[in-house]
Amino acid sequence: SLFRLKDLEVPKLGDSDVHVKMLAAPINPADINMIQGTYPLLSPLPAVGGNEGVGEVLEVGHRVTALKPGDWVIPVDAGLGTWRTRGVFPEEMLLKVPSDIPVLCAATLSVNPCTAFRMLADFESLAPGDSVIQNAANSGVGQAVIQIARASSIKTINVVRDRPDLPKLVERLMALGADHVVTEEMLRKPEMKDIFKSIPRPRLALNCVGGKSTTEMLRHLQPKGTMVTYGGMAKQPVMVPVSAFIFRDVRLRGFWMTQWRKDHAQDWGSVAGMMDALCQLIRRGQLTAPACTEVPLQDYRAALEASMKPFVSSKQILLL
């Protein structure tokens, strides 16, 4: 196995460092890809896994001004190595978050909700009543898209893979605020037309699957609409009919949260604005943590295995 649980000395606290006690950290698909070496970010080995999580500040170096003991912090960027009980990190690698939000919301805030928020905001100017279509709608990003869209009165058409417990999944997504939940097979059925009697065709499609799923989703996009690809779970290319380009002038874009953070590293306003907006939604009960299974750190092997099973409907969260 690639993983071992190790006891390490906590390094000495430098002037600009922050000593953090980690509280909770999820296992995301990108964490696994990083470990497998199939992700564009590689940490020098040996490395601590985990790109996301929340911790509590225990002590700060004497040059640290923005953080104090008791504050909650999340990573500014990927690659922090959050699957640990304690860590000492430079102040600029941490972002303060309010400690009055649920711990699982804070632990899962920096990747999926941020990705959902940016994709809804940055590609099409959506107005109340507009619609969005997305595949893998039960993923962490998918669940966040449903809720953030709902809070802005944007309709969502949510595509999921057919599965044995489909009615249960549909019910869960509807409870989050999904307007429509369809299977990939339904995308090419004439009944899709019925959906568009009550809501407009989507101007925005969000794709993290690839292959056939994407081509079918693209059919329903409005002329001049945009499809944003942020993942490729089917490991197949995005196939687009020529007619979609010529006669409907669809736009194809890509999104990677890590790149957005790099591009906005100096732009604290946009980062703070996004975090504030998301924390407000959480406080109002309009954005919840994805369905989670809490696992103590010593059971990490079981958690990793569970996170790689097909049709996972629950995110594994390591409790530290």
Foldseek 3Di string as FASTA:
>chain_A
DLDDDDDDDADDADQQKWKWFFFKAFDDPVQVCQSVVNDPDHDPPPAATGFFGKTFTCQHHNNHDPDGGGWIWIFLAGRPRRLDRMHMGGPLRIDTADPPFDRLCRRPPPAQLLQLVCQCPPDDNDAAQAEEEEEPLLDQNNLNNQLVCVVRNYAYEYEYADDDPVVVSQVVSVVLRHPHYYYLVCLPPPCVVVVCVRGPQHLEYEYAAADPSQQSSLVRHAQQGEYEYEHHNPPYHHDYDPCCCPVRVYHYYYDYSNVVSVVCVVPVPVVVVSSVVSVVCSVVVSGDGFAADEDESVVVVVQVVQNPDPPRSHIYMYGD
